[in-house]
Amino acid sequence: MPMSLAVPAAIPSPPAEFSSFSLGALTIHAYALCILAGIILALWMTSVRWKRRGLPPDSVWDIAIWAIPFGIIGGRLYHVISSPDAYFGPNGNLALIPQIWLGGLGIWGAIALGAVGAWIGCRRAGIKLSTFADVAAPGVLLAQAVGRWGNWFNQELFGGPTDAPWGLAIDPNNTNFPDGAAPGTLFHPTFLYESLWNLAGVALLLVLDRRFRLRGGRLFWLYAAFYTAGRVWIEMLRIDDAEMITILGITQRLNVWTSILIFLVSIGMFTYLSVRARKQPEPSLTLPGHTPAGSETAGRGNNSAVDNKSETDSPNVNSGSQTHDTRATVAETKNEAAKPQRPEDSGPAN
């Protein structure tokens, strides 16, 4: 008897009441929990990789204290600037700007301002910014993969209509349901596409880093290139309101052009750093004067110093030995010359 495998007709969206819940006077939003879960996982992965580098374990937390709040503020500012109608348009509301839990964090603002916070933390901890960026890159991508599920809870930032069996069902009564779309219309689950793309990127970065020891900022730029390569086609599927920019007669969403630009810059930086890495020794992970014992570069630096000292001292030891032998020979010659000479014996005296 033939058996049929039931295939889900669609990906359901969570009920509206799942987007938030109350604990007394405190309202907890699912979007915020997804962002928080992503941050926690990113910190965990970064701390594990940090310890494997032999870096001071406490310094990663000191840097994160600066990077995380700067990143959240930067992400929100980028979203407000790139989607201004909800805040500055005819029906805009400036009071919505600080309400992050309603959704809206731009990754490039988060990376840019987060890098400023990380730089401050790195300077205080004596760690190179490139070191932190390389160590944190897979964790940042993991945080993005988890954070995207906040869009699912908010039923937002989905793509255009689709007949695919993995189409996303959106509540017709939701404010984000497109005008003119028939109830029951399915949409591309762009949150899921990006989440899966990012998870694949995490695995790829970890494998490449283990295989090629990508240091000096190379892993970070590889992260940026991989993420933007996916963001371009995923962003083009989305139908939510966005700033449209026309370049060379082609009109696209602002984030599409931004992703293309960052992709090209990332490829260029990765290539430049890779070429430079072949001509120079592996860079130190820390700022001058802050190399901690047990780090990847500390052992090599100390051994090199010892080896160089040994190589420099060895000729001096040999030279000293040769000088000592020469002086001994000269002294013996002088002693022989100073001895009184007895005349040769010519027989008995007459």
C-alpha atoms as a PDB file:
ATOM      1  CA  MET A   1       0.000   0.000   0.000  1.00  0.00           C
ATOM      2  CA  PRO A   2       1.631   3.278  -1.038  1.00  0.00           C
ATOM      3  CA  MET A   3       2.430   5.722   1.723  1.00  0.00           C
ATOM      4  CA  SER A   4       2.321   9.472   1.268  1.00  0.00           C
ATOM      5  CA  LEU A   5       4.462  11.943   3.172  1.00  0.00           C
ATOM      6  CA  ALA A   6       2.566  14.978   4.341  1.00  0.00           C
ATOM      7  CA  VAL A   7       4.306  18.220   3.415  1.00  0.00           C
ATOM      8  CA  PRO A   8       3.450  21.358   5.385  1.00  0.00           C
ATOM      9  CA  ALA A   9       1.483  23.778   3.244  1.00  0.00           C
ATOM     10  CA  ALA A  10       3.161  26.787   4.855  1.00  0.00           C
ATOM     11  CA  ILE A  11       5.263  28.059   7.723  1.00  0.00           C
ATOM     12  CA  PRO A  12       2.828  29.478  10.268  1.00  0.00           C
ATOM     13  CA  SER A  13       3.487  32.753  12.014  1.00  0.00           C
ATOM     14  CA  PRO A  14       3.133  32.837  15.804  1.00  0.00           C
ATOM     15  CA  PRO A  15      -0.052  34.364  17.222  1.00  0.00           C
ATOM     16  CA  ALA A  16       0.146  38.074  17.933  1.00  0.00           C
ATOM     17  CA  GLU A  17       0.048  37.456  21.680  1.00  0.00           C
ATOM     18  CA  PHE A  18       3.306  35.502  21.393  1.00  0.00           C
ATOM     19  CA  SER A  19       5.193  38.631  20.388  1.00  0.00           C
ATOM     20  CA  SER A  20       5.192  39.817  24.001  1.00  0.00           C
ATOM     21  CA  PHE A  21       4.100  38.823  27.481  1.00  0.00           C
ATOM     22  CA  SER A  22       3.935  40.526  30.844  1.00  0.00           C
ATOM     23  CA  LEU A  23       5.648  39.803  34.134  1.00  0.00           C
ATOM     24  CA  GLY A  24       3.849  42.101  36.508  1.00  0.00           C
ATOM     25  CA  ALA A  25       4.479  45.639  35.334  1.00  0.00           C
ATOM     26  CA  LEU A  26       7.263  44.464  32.998  1.00  0.00           C
ATOM     27  CA  THR A  27       6.523  43.649  29.359  1.00  0.00           C
ATOM     28  CA  ILE A  28       8.876  41.152  27.714  1.00  0.00           C
ATOM     29  CA  HIS A  29       9.082  41.227  23.908  1.00  0.00           C
ATOM     30  CA  ALA A  30      10.022  38.139  21.910  1.00  0.00           C
ATOM     31  CA  TYR A  31      12.077  40.284  19.522  1.00  0.00           C
ATOM     32  CA  ALA A  32      14.213  41.504  22.412  1.00  0.00           C
ATOM     33  CA  LEU A  33      14.633  37.939  23.697  1.00  0.00           C
ATOM     34  CA  CYS A  34      15.894  36.824  20.282  1.00  0.00           C
ATOM     35  CA  ILE A  35      18.420  39.661  20.206  1.00  0.00           C
ATOM     36  CA  LEU A  36      19.474  38.846  23.768  1.00  0.00           C
ATOM     37  CA  ALA A  37      19.822  35.138  22.977  1.00  0.00           C
ATOM     38  CA  GLY A  38      21.981  36.006  19.973  1.00  0.00           C
ATOM     39  CA  ILE A  39      24.234  38.234  22.089  1.00  0.00           C
ATOM     40  CA  ILE A  40      24.656  35.519  24.719  1.00  0.00           C
ATOM     41  CA  LEU A  41      25.590  32.899  22.115  1.00  0.00           C
ATOM     42  CA  ALA A  42      27.984  35.329  20.452  1.00  0.00           C
ATOM     43  CA  LEU A  43      29.689  36.038  23.774  1.00  0.00           C
ATOM     44  CA  TRP A  44      29.957  32.323  24.509  1.00  0.00           C
ATOM     45  CA  MET A  45      31.518  31.488  21.142  1.00  0.00           C
ATOM     46  CA  THR A  46      33.839  34.494  21.293  1.00  0.00           C
ATOM     47  CA  SER A  47      35.022  33.654  24.821  1.00  0.00           C
ATOM     48  CA  VAL A  48      35.819  30.059  23.798  1.00  0.00           C
ATOM     49  CA  ARG A  49      37.817  31.225  20.790  1.00  0.00           C
ATOM     50  CA  TRP A  50      39.454  33.925  22.915  1.00  0.00           C
ATOM     51  CA  LYS A  51      40.796  31.402  25.407  1.00  0.00           C
ATOM     52  CA  ARG A  52      42.144  29.217  22.613  1.00  0.00           C
ATOM     53  CA  ARG A  53      44.184  32.201  21.442  1.00  0.00           C
ATOM     54  CA  GLY A  54      45.771  32.326  24.901  1.00  0.00           C
ATOM     55  CA  LEU A  55      44.473  35.853  25.509  1.00  0.00           C
ATOM     56  CA  PRO A  56      43.505  37.150  28.985  1.00  0.00           C
ATOM     57  CA  PRO A  57      40.023  35.686  29.587  1.00  0.00           C
ATOM     58  CA  ASP A  58      38.682  38.760  31.375  1.00  0.00           C
ATOM     59  CA  SER A  59      39.653  41.168  28.605  1.00  0.00           C
ATOM     60  CA  VAL A  60      37.017  39.830  26.178  1.00  0.00           C
ATOM     61  CA  TRP A  61      34.300  40.850  28.633  1.00  0.00           C
ATOM     62  CA  ASP A  62      35.908  44.252  29.142  1.00  0.00           C
ATOM     63  CA  ILE A  63      35.786  44.827  25.386  1.00  0.00           C
ATOM     64  CA  ALA A  64      32.226  43.468  25.031  1.00  0.00           C
ATOM     65  CA  ILE A  65      30.972  45.934  27.657  1.00  0.00           C
ATOM     66  CA  TRP A  66      31.884  48.711  25.250  1.00  0.00           C
ATOM     67  CA  ALA A  67      31.059  46.994  21.951  1.00  0.00           C
ATOM     68  CA  ILE A  68      27.526  45.750  22.714  1.00  0.00           C
ATOM     69  CA  PRO A  69      25.804  49.017  23.756  1.00  0.00           C
ATOM     70  CA  PHE A  70      27.589  50.938  21.008  1.00  0.00           C
ATOM     71  CA  GLY A  71      26.453  48.303  18.523  1.00  0.00           C
ATOM     72  CA  ILE A  72      22.811  48.436  19.610  1.00  0.00           C
ATOM     73  CA  ILE A  73      22.737  52.230  19.386  1.00  0.00           C
ATOM     74  CA  GLY A  74      24.466  52.164  16.002  1.00  0.00           C
ATOM     75  CA  GLY A  75      22.071  49.521  14.689  1.00  0.00           C
ATOM     76  CA  ARG A  76      19.070  51.565  15.711  1.00  0.00           C
ATOM     77  CA  LEU A  77      20.441  54.783  14.231  1.00  0.00           C
ATOM     78  CA  TYR A  78      21.142  53.069  10.911  1.00  0.00           C
ATOM     79  CA  HIS A  79      17.590  51.688  10.825  1.00  0.00           C
ATOM     80  CA  VAL A  80      16.075  55.087  11.574  1.00  0.00           C
ATOM     81  CA  ILE A  81      18.187  56.759   8.874  1.00  0.00           C
ATOM     82  CA  SER A  82      17.561  54.070   6.251  1.00  0.00           C
ATOM     83  CA  SER A  83      13.799  53.838   6.990  1.00  0.00           C
ATOM     84  CA  PRO A  84      12.887  57.386   7.990  1.00  0.00           C
ATOM     85  CA  ASP A  85       9.193  57.513   7.044  1.00  0.00           C
ATOM     86  CA  ALA A  86       8.007  55.831  10.244  1.00  0.00           C
ATOM     87  CA  TYR A  87       9.790  58.484  12.294  1.00  0.00           C
ATOM     88  CA  PHE A  88      10.054  61.639  10.173  1.00  0.00           C
ATOM     89  CA  GLY A  89       7.321  61.118   7.549  1.00  0.00           C
ATOM     90  CA  PRO A  90       3.888  62.779   7.448  1.00  0.00           C
ATOM     91  CA  ASN A  91       2.542  60.258   9.953  1.00  0.00           C
ATOM     92  CA  GLY A  92       5.887  59.646  11.639  1.00  0.00           C
ATOM     93  CA  ASN A  93       6.360  59.417  15.369  1.00  0.00           C
ATOM     94  CA  LEU A  94       9.703  60.380  16.912  1.00  0.00           C
ATOM     95  CA  ALA A  95       8.724  58.581  20.100  1.00  0.00           C
ATOM     96  CA  LEU A  96       9.172  55.284  18.236  1.00  0.00           C
ATOM     97  CA  ILE A  97      12.911  55.814  17.753  1.00  0.00           C
ATOM     98  CA  PRO A  98      14.020  54.404  21.139  1.00  0.00           C
ATOM     99  CA  GLN A  99      11.461  51.549  21.049  1.00  0.00           C
ATOM    100  CA  ILE A 100      13.887  48.923  19.788  1.00  0.00           C
ATOM    101  CA  TRP A 101      11.665  46.056  20.948  1.00  0.00           C
ATOM    102  CA  LEU A 102       9.227  46.875  18.147  1.00  0.00           C
ATOM    103  CA  GLY A 103      11.937  45.848  15.663  1.00  0.00           C
ATOM    104  CA  GLY A 104      14.466  47.693  13.580  1.00  0.00           C
ATOM    105  CA  LEU A 105      18.232  47.241  13.954  1.00  0.00           C
ATOM    106  CA  GLY A 106      20.510  47.829  10.975  1.00  0.00           C
ATOM    107  CA  ILE A 107      23.499  45.503  10.972  1.00  0.00           C
ATOM    108  CA  TRP A 108      25.885  47.985   9.351  1.00  0.00           C
ATOM    109  CA  GLY A 109      25.187  50.637  11.930  1.00  0.00           C
ATOM    110  CA  ALA A 110      25.691  48.000  14.607  1.00  0.00           C
ATOM    111  CA  ILE A 111      29.024  46.931  13.088  1.00  0.00           C
ATOM    112  CA  ALA A 112      30.267  50.484  12.536  1.00  0.00           C
ATOM    113  CA  LEU A 113      29.451  51.943  15.938  1.00  0.00           C
ATOM    114  CA  GLY A 114      30.109  48.611  17.646  1.00  0.00           C
ATOM    115  CA  ALA A 115      33.621  48.746  16.186  1.00  0.00           C
ATOM    116  CA  VAL A 116      34.108  52.147  17.819  1.00  0.00           C
ATOM    117  CA  GLY A 117      33.104  50.685  21.174  1.00  0.00           C
ATOM    118  CA  ALA A 118      35.325  47.655  20.601  1.00  0.00           C
ATOM    119  CA  TRP A 119      38.242  49.944  19.738  1.00  0.00           C
ATOM    120  CA  ILE A 120      37.832  51.772  23.024  1.00  0.00           C
ATOM    121  CA  GLY A 121      37.702  48.469  24.915  1.00  0.00           C
ATOM    122  CA  CYS A 122      40.688  47.080  23.007  1.00  0.00           C
ATOM    123  CA  ARG A 123      42.804  50.130  23.754  1.00  0.00           C
ATOM    124  CA  ARG A 124      42.041  49.772  27.435  1.00  0.00           C
ATOM    125  CA  ALA A 125      42.788  46.026  27.379  1.00  0.00           C
ATOM    126  CA  GLY A 126      45.926  46.251  25.241  1.00  0.00           C
ATOM    127  CA  ILE A 127      44.439  44.101  22.456  1.00  0.00           C
ATOM    128  CA  LYS A 128      44.542  44.879  18.738  1.00  0.00           C
ATOM    129  CA  LEU A 129      41.140  45.649  17.238  1.00  0.00           C
ATOM    130  CA  SER A 130      41.876  43.224  14.401  1.00  0.00           C
ATOM    131  CA  THR A 131      42.388  40.464  16.970  1.00  0.00           C
ATOM    132  CA  PHE A 132      38.994  41.041  18.536  1.00  0.00           C
ATOM    133  CA  ALA A 133      37.315  41.355  15.127  1.00  0.00           C
ATOM    134  CA  ASP A 134      38.728  38.014  13.939  1.00  0.00           C
ATOM    135  CA  VAL A 135      37.835  36.201  17.145  1.00  0.00           C
ATOM    136  CA  ALA A 136      34.327  37.661  17.319  1.00  0.00           C
ATOM    137  CA  ALA A 137      33.341  37.350  13.632  1.00  0.00           C
ATOM    138  CA  PRO A 138      31.778  33.850  13.783  1.00  0.00           C
ATOM    139  CA  GLY A 139      29.950  34.773  16.981  1.00  0.00           C
ATOM    140  CA  VAL A 140      28.555  37.948  15.425  1.00  0.00           C
ATOM    141  CA  LEU A 141      27.204  35.935  12.501  1.00  0.00           C
ATOM    142  CA  LEU A 142      25.670  33.450  14.945  1.00  0.00           C
ATOM    143  CA  ALA A 143      23.989  36.314  16.791  1.00  0.00           C
ATOM    144  CA  GLN A 144      22.533  37.556  13.500  1.00  0.00           C
ATOM    145  CA  ALA A 145      21.197  34.075  12.712  1.00  0.00           C
ATOM    146  CA  VAL A 146      19.373  33.908  16.045  1.00  0.00           C
ATOM    147  CA  GLY A 147      18.272  37.537  16.115  1.00  0.00           C
ATOM    148  CA  ARG A 148      16.488  37.181  12.769  1.00  0.00           C
ATOM    149  CA  TRP A 149      13.848  35.024  14.452  1.00  0.00           C
ATOM    150  CA  GLY A 150      12.617  38.181  16.144  1.00  0.00           C
ATOM    151  CA  ASN A 151      11.229  39.172  12.733  1.00  0.00           C
ATOM    152  CA  TRP A 152       9.214  35.955  12.719  1.00  0.00           C
ATOM    153  CA  PHE A 153       7.607  36.791  16.058  1.00  0.00           C
ATOM    154  CA  ASN A 154       6.833  40.323  14.859  1.00  0.00           C
ATOM    155  CA  GLN A 155       5.572  39.083  11.441  1.00  0.00           C
ATOM    156  CA  GLU A 156       7.771  41.602   9.641  1.00  0.00           C
ATOM    157  CA  LEU A 157      10.435  41.981   6.943  1.00  0.00           C
ATOM    158  CA  PHE A 158       9.166  39.089   4.809  1.00  0.00           C
ATOM    159  CA  GLY A 159       9.491  38.745   1.052  1.00  0.00           C
ATOM    160  CA  GLY A 160       7.081  38.793  -1.831  1.00  0.00           C
ATOM    161  CA  PRO A 161       4.319  36.247  -2.498  1.00  0.00           C
ATOM    162  CA  THR A 162       5.324  32.655  -3.200  1.00  0.00           C
ATOM    163  CA  ASP A 163       3.697  29.279  -3.886  1.00  0.00           C
ATOM    164  CA  ALA A 164       6.593  27.368  -2.294  1.00  0.00           C
ATOM    165  CA  PRO A 165       5.625  24.871   0.426  1.00  0.00           C
ATOM    166  CA  TRP A 166       7.841  26.794   2.847  1.00  0.00           C
ATOM    167  CA  GLY A 167       5.940  30.023   2.234  1.00  0.00           C
ATOM    168  CA  LEU A 168       5.269  32.123   5.335  1.00  0.00           C
ATOM    169  CA  ALA A 169       1.688  32.716   6.460  1.00  0.00           C
ATOM    170  CA  ILE A 170       1.022  36.214   7.795  1.00  0.00           C
ATOM    171  CA  ASP A 171      -2.037  37.217   9.811  1.00  0.00           C
ATOM    172  CA  PRO A 172      -4.249  39.331   7.479  1.00  0.00           C
ATOM    173  CA  ASN A 173      -5.086  41.541  10.455  1.00  0.00           C
ATOM    174  CA  ASN A 174      -1.425  42.299  11.113  1.00  0.00           C
ATOM    175  CA  THR A 175      -0.383  45.848  10.251  1.00  0.00           C
ATOM    176  CA  ASN A 176       2.474  44.447   8.165  1.00  0.00           C
ATOM    177  CA  PHE A 177       0.163  42.469   5.860  1.00  0.00           C
ATOM    178  CA  PRO A 178       0.521  44.040   2.382  1.00  0.00           C
ATOM    179  CA  ASP A 179      -2.345  46.121   1.084  1.00  0.00           C
ATOM    180  CA  GLY A 180      -4.131  44.445  -1.784  1.00  0.00           C
ATOM    181  CA  ALA A 181      -2.880  40.944  -0.954  1.00  0.00           C
ATOM    182  CA  ALA A 182      -5.566  38.297  -0.587  1.00  0.00           C
ATOM    183  CA  PRO A 183      -5.920  36.590   2.817  1.00  0.00           C
ATOM    184  CA  GLY A 184      -4.068  33.303   2.787  1.00  0.00           C
ATOM    185  CA  THR A 185      -1.278  34.632   0.551  1.00  0.00           C
ATOM    186  CA  LEU A 186       2.091  33.114   1.427  1.00  0.00           C
ATOM    187  CA  PHE A 187       5.317  35.111   1.435  1.00  0.00           C
ATOM    188  CA  HIS A 188       9.007  34.345   1.229  1.00  0.00           C
ATOM    189  CA  PRO A 189      10.322  33.761   4.788  1.00  0.00           C
ATOM    190  CA  THR A 190      13.377  35.983   4.345  1.00  0.00           C
ATOM    191  CA  PHE A 191      14.100  35.780   8.068  1.00  0.00           C
ATOM    192  CA  LEU A 192      14.578  32.020   7.638  1.00  0.00           C
ATOM    193  CA  TYR A 193      16.700  32.394   4.498  1.00  0.00           C
ATOM    194  CA  GLU A 194      19.049  34.769   6.269  1.00  0.00           C
ATOM    195  CA  SER A 195      19.167  32.684   9.440  1.00  0.00           C
ATOM    196  CA  LEU A 196      20.158  29.552   7.508  1.00  0.00           C
ATOM    197  CA  TRP A 197      22.637  31.495   5.365  1.00  0.00           C
ATOM    198  CA  ASN A 198      24.283  32.889   8.500  1.00  0.00           C
ATOM    199  CA  LEU A 199      24.481  29.478  10.187  1.00  0.00           C
ATOM    200  CA  ALA A 200      26.226  28.121   7.096  1.00  0.00           C
ATOM    201  CA  GLY A 201      28.566  31.094   7.283  1.00  0.00           C
ATOM    202  CA  VAL A 202      29.439  30.350  10.919  1.00  0.00           C
ATOM    203  CA  ALA A 203      30.461  26.814   9.981  1.00  0.00           C
ATOM    204  CA  LEU A 204      32.442  28.052   6.974  1.00  0.00           C
ATOM    205  CA  LEU A 205      34.340  30.682   8.979  1.00  0.00           C
ATOM    206  CA  LEU A 206      35.274  28.205  11.695  1.00  0.00           C
ATOM    207  CA  VAL A 207      36.545  25.660   9.164  1.00  0.00           C
ATOM    208  CA  LEU A 208      38.562  28.202   7.169  1.00  0.00           C
ATOM    209  CA  ASP A 209      40.027  29.765  10.299  1.00  0.00           C
ATOM    210  CA  ARG A 210      41.166  26.383  11.591  1.00  0.00           C
ATOM    211  CA  ARG A 211      42.609  25.422   8.210  1.00  0.00           C
ATOM    212  CA  PHE A 212      44.339  28.685   7.238  1.00  0.00           C
ATOM    213  CA  ARG A 213      44.813  30.595  10.551  1.00  0.00           C
ATOM    214  CA  LEU A 214      43.255  33.785   9.229  1.00  0.00           C
ATOM    215  CA  ARG A 215      44.674  36.600  11.355  1.00  0.00           C
ATOM    216  CA  GLY A 216      45.231  40.335  11.088  1.00  0.00           C
ATOM    217  CA  GLY A 217      41.580  41.113  10.273  1.00  0.00           C
ATOM    218  CA  ARG A 218      41.241  38.639   7.410  1.00  0.00           C
ATOM    219  CA  LEU A 219      38.545  36.526   9.063  1.00  0.00           C
ATOM    220  CA  PHE A 220      36.460  39.607   9.803  1.00  0.00           C
ATOM    221  CA  TRP A 221      36.572  40.775   6.175  1.00  0.00           C
ATOM    222  CA  LEU A 222      35.723  37.265   5.024  1.00  0.00           C
ATOM    223  CA  TYR A 223      32.697  37.387   7.342  1.00  0.00           C
ATOM    224  CA  ALA A 224      31.622  40.707   5.843  1.00  0.00           C
ATOM    225  CA  ALA A 225      32.006  39.385   2.292  1.00  0.00           C
ATOM    226  CA  PHE A 226      30.036  36.212   2.989  1.00  0.00           C
ATOM    227  CA  TYR A 227      27.215  37.985   4.808  1.00  0.00           C
ATOM    228  CA  THR A 228      26.759  40.688   2.166  1.00  0.00           C
ATOM    229  CA  ALA A 229      26.782  38.112  -0.646  1.00  0.00           C
ATOM    230  CA  GLY A 230      23.682  36.587   0.936  1.00  0.00           C
ATOM    231  CA  ARG A 231      22.141  39.863   2.033  1.00  0.00           C
ATOM    232  CA  VAL A 232      22.008  41.145  -1.557  1.00  0.00           C
ATOM    233  CA  TRP A 233      19.670  38.468  -2.895  1.00  0.00           C
ATOM    234  CA  ILE A 234      17.672  38.160   0.334  1.00  0.00           C
ATOM    235  CA  GLU A 235      17.162  41.922   0.520  1.00  0.00           C
ATOM    236  CA  MET A 236      15.917  41.968  -3.066  1.00  0.00           C
ATOM    237  CA  LEU A 237      13.108  39.579  -2.068  1.00  0.00           C
ATOM    238  CA  ARG A 238      11.753  41.842   0.658  1.00  0.00           C
ATOM    239  CA  ILE A 239       8.707  44.069   0.104  1.00  0.00           C
ATOM    240  CA  ASP A 240       8.704  46.195   3.267  1.00  0.00           C
ATOM    241  CA  ASP A 241       9.128  49.952   2.957  1.00  0.00           C
ATOM    242  CA  ALA A 242      12.712  51.080   2.371  1.00  0.00           C
ATOM    243  CA  GLU A 243      14.696  53.930   0.887  1.00  0.00           C
ATOM    244  CA  MET A 244      15.143  53.377  -2.857  1.00  0.00           C
ATOM    245  CA  ILE A 245      18.338  54.538  -4.558  1.00  0.00           C
ATOM    246  CA  THR A 246      18.937  54.786  -8.320  1.00  0.00           C
ATOM    247  CA  ILE A 247      22.485  54.185  -9.587  1.00  0.00           C
ATOM    248  CA  LEU A 248      23.278  53.975 -13.328  1.00  0.00           C
ATOM    249  CA  GLY A 249      19.584  53.718 -14.056  1.00  0.00           C
ATOM    250  CA  ILE A 250      19.068  50.797 -11.666  1.00  0.00           C
ATOM    251  CA  THR A 251      16.744  51.418  -8.723  1.00  0.00           C
ATOM    252  CA  GLN A 252      17.213  49.214  -5.699  1.00  0.00           C
ATOM    253  CA  ARG A 253      16.794  49.287  -1.961  1.00  0.00           C
ATOM    254  CA  LEU A 254      19.420  51.189   0.000  1.00  0.00           C
ATOM    255  CA  ASN A 255      20.544  48.020   1.782  1.00  0.00           C
ATOM    256  CA  VAL A 256      21.133  46.291  -1.556  1.00  0.00           C
ATOM    257  CA  TRP A 257      23.551  48.987  -2.684  1.00  0.00           C
ATOM    258  CA  THR A 258      25.150  49.105   0.755  1.00  0.00           C
ATOM    259  CA  SER A 259      25.680  45.345   0.708  1.00  0.00           C
ATOM    260  CA  ILE A 260      27.225  45.445  -2.771  1.00  0.00           C
ATOM    261  CA  LEU A 261      29.610  48.213  -1.726  1.00  0.00           C
ATOM    262  CA  ILE A 262      30.650  46.444   1.472  1.00  0.00           C
ATOM    263  CA  PHE A 263      31.075  43.161  -0.417  1.00  0.00           C
ATOM    264  CA  LEU A 264      33.499  44.773  -2.868  1.00  0.00           C
ATOM    265  CA  VAL A 265      35.414  46.525  -0.084  1.00  0.00           C
ATOM    266  CA  SER A 266      35.577  43.288   1.916  1.00  0.00           C
ATOM    267  CA  ILE A 267      36.956  41.289  -1.002  1.00  0.00           C
ATOM    268  CA  GLY A 268      39.534  44.001  -1.626  1.00  0.00           C
ATOM    269  CA  MET A 269      40.620  44.144   2.021  1.00  0.00           C
ATOM    270  CA  PHE A 270      40.783  40.368   2.349  1.00  0.00           C
ATOM    271  CA  THR A 271      42.927  40.119  -0.787  1.00  0.00           C
ATOM    272  CA  TYR A 272      45.244  42.918   0.344  1.00  0.00           C
ATOM    273  CA  LEU A 273      45.722  41.463   3.832  1.00  0.00           C
ATOM    274  CA  SER A 274      46.277  37.964   2.425  1.00  0.00           C
ATOM    275  CA  VAL A 275      49.001  39.184   0.069  1.00  0.00           C
ATOM    276  CA  ARG A 276      50.643  41.141   2.881  1.00  0.00           C
ATOM    277  CA  ALA A 277      50.472  38.137   5.206  1.00  0.00           C
ATOM    278  CA  ARG A 278      52.624  36.115   2.787  1.00  0.00           C
ATOM    279  CA  LYS A 279      55.396  38.691   2.962  1.00  0.00           C
ATOM    280  CA  GLN A 280      55.350  39.360   6.706  1.00  0.00           C
ATOM    281  CA  PRO A 281      55.412  37.193   9.839  1.00  0.00           C
ATOM    282  CA  GLU A 282      52.126  36.543  11.596  1.00  0.00           C
ATOM    283  CA  PRO A 283      51.137  39.737  13.425  1.00  0.00           C
ATOM    284  CA  SER A 284      50.982  40.018  17.186  1.00  0.00           C
ATOM    285  CA  LEU A 285      47.540  39.720  18.754  1.00  0.00           C
ATOM    286  CA  THR A 286      48.184  42.515  21.226  1.00  0.00           C
ATOM    287  CA  LEU A 287      49.342  46.100  21.248  1.00  0.00           C
ATOM    288  CA  PRO A 288      53.073  46.728  21.821  1.00  0.00           C
ATOM    289  CA  GLY A 289      54.064  46.048  25.401  1.00  0.00           C
ATOM    290  CA  HIS A 290      50.933  44.038  26.221  1.00  0.00           C
ATOM    291  CA  THR A 291      51.759  40.538  24.940  1.00  0.00           C
ATOM    292  CA  PRO A 292      50.378  38.157  27.597  1.00  0.00           C
ATOM    293  CA  ALA A 293      52.116  34.925  28.523  1.00  0.00           C
ATOM    294  CA  GLY A 294      50.514  31.943  26.827  1.00  0.00           C
ATOM    295  CA  SER A 295      49.180  33.804  23.783  1.00  0.00           C
ATOM    296  CA  GLU A 296      49.747  32.505  20.258  1.00  0.00           C
ATOM    297  CA  THR A 297      52.462  35.059  19.604  1.00  0.00           C
ATOM    298  CA  ALA A 298      54.067  35.185  23.031  1.00  0.00           C
ATOM    299  CA  GLY A 299      55.756  31.809  22.799  1.00  0.00           C
ATOM    300  CA  ARG A 300      57.039  32.442  19.297  1.00  0.00           C
ATOM    301  CA  GLY A 301      58.304  35.882  20.242  1.00  0.00           C
ATOM    302  CA  ASN A 302      60.201  34.677  23.300  1.00  0.00           C
ATOM    303  CA  ASN A 303      61.649  31.677  21.509  1.00  0.00           C
ATOM    304  CA  SER A 304      62.762  33.869  18.662  1.00  0.00           C
ATOM    305  CA  ALA A 305      64.484  36.207  21.073  1.00  0.00           C
ATOM    306  CA  VAL A 306      66.249  33.335  22.776  1.00  0.00           C
ATOM    307  CA  ASP A 307      67.226  31.789  19.464  1.00  0.00           C
ATOM    308  CA  ASN A 308      68.526  35.100  18.162  1.00  0.00           C
ATOM    309  CA  LYS A 309      70.502  35.647  21.334  1.00  0.00           C
ATOM    310  CA  SER A 310      71.991  32.171  21.140  1.00  0.00           C
ATOM    311  CA  GLU A 311      72.906  32.664  17.502  1.00  0.00           C
ATOM    312  CA  THR A 312      74.526  35.999  18.362  1.00  0.00           C
ATOM    313  CA  ASP A 313      76.383  34.699  21.397  1.00  0.00           C
ATOM    314  CA  SER A 314      77.734  31.514  19.775  1.00  0.00           C
ATOM    315  CA  PRO A 315      80.302  33.247  17.535  1.00  0.00           C
ATOM    316  CA  ASN A 316      81.452  35.323  20.497  1.00  0.00           C
ATOM    317  CA  VAL A 317      82.052  32.180  22.531  1.00  0.00           C
ATOM    318  CA  ASN A 318      84.046  30.617  19.727  1.00  0.00           C
ATOM    319  CA  SER A 319      85.916  33.828  19.123  1.00  0.00           C
ATOM    320  CA  GLY A 320      86.734  34.094  22.811  1.00  0.00           C
ATOM    321  CA  SER A 321      88.041  30.548  22.847  1.00  0.00           C
ATOM    322  CA  GLN A 322      90.228  31.197  19.836  1.00  0.00           C
ATOM    323  CA  THR A 323      91.577  34.391  21.385  1.00  0.00           C
ATOM    324  CA  HIS A 324      92.401  32.545  24.607  1.00  0.00           C
ATOM    325  CA  ASP A 325      94.324  29.870  22.687  1.00  0.00           C
ATOM    326  CA  THR A 326      96.263  32.501  20.737  1.00  0.00           C
ATOM    327  CA  ARG A 327      97.186  34.340  23.900  1.00  0.00           C
ATOM    328  CA  ALA A 328      98.356  31.093  25.540  1.00  0.00           C
ATOM    329  CA  THR A 329     100.561  30.300  22.570  1.00  0.00           C
ATOM    330  CA  VAL A 330     102.127  33.775  22.626  1.00  0.00           C
ATOM    331  CA  ALA A 331     102.748  33.479  26.374  1.00  0.00           C
ATOM    332  CA  GLU A 332     104.489  30.142  25.975  1.00  0.00           C
ATOM    333  CA  THR A 333     106.662  31.588  23.214  1.00  0.00           C
ATOM    334  CA  LYS A 334     107.646  34.510  25.426  1.00  0.00           C
ATOM    335  CA  ASN A 335     108.489  32.192  28.329  1.00  0.00           C
ATOM    336  CA  GLU A 336     110.733  30.103  26.094  1.00  0.00           C
ATOM    337  CA  ALA A 337     112.474  33.194  24.853  1.00  0.00           C
ATOM    338  CA  ALA A 338     113.041  34.471  28.399  1.00  0.00           C
ATOM    339  CA  LYS A 339     114.787  31.309  29.612  1.00  0.00           C
ATOM    340  CA  PRO A 340     118.663  31.591  29.857  1.00  0.00           C
ATOM    341  CA  GLN A 341     120.405  29.617  27.174  1.00  0.00           C
ATOM    342  CA  ARG A 342     123.127  27.110  28.428  1.00  0.00           C
ATOM    343  CA  PRO A 343     126.103  26.765  26.046  1.00  0.00           C
ATOM    344  CA  GLU A 344     126.563  23.506  24.366  1.00  0.00           C
ATOM    345  CA  ASP A 345     128.675  20.963  26.264  1.00  0.00           C
ATOM    346  CA  SER A 346     132.189  20.857  24.615  1.00  0.00           C
ATOM    347  CA  GLY A 347     133.815  18.268  26.919  1.00  0.00           C
ATOM    348  CA  PRO A 348     136.083  18.514  30.006  1.00  0.00           C
ATOM    349  CA  ALA A 349     138.005  21.690  30.549  1.00  0.00           C
ATOM    350  CA  ASN A 350     141.758  21.575  29.876  1.00  0.00           C
END
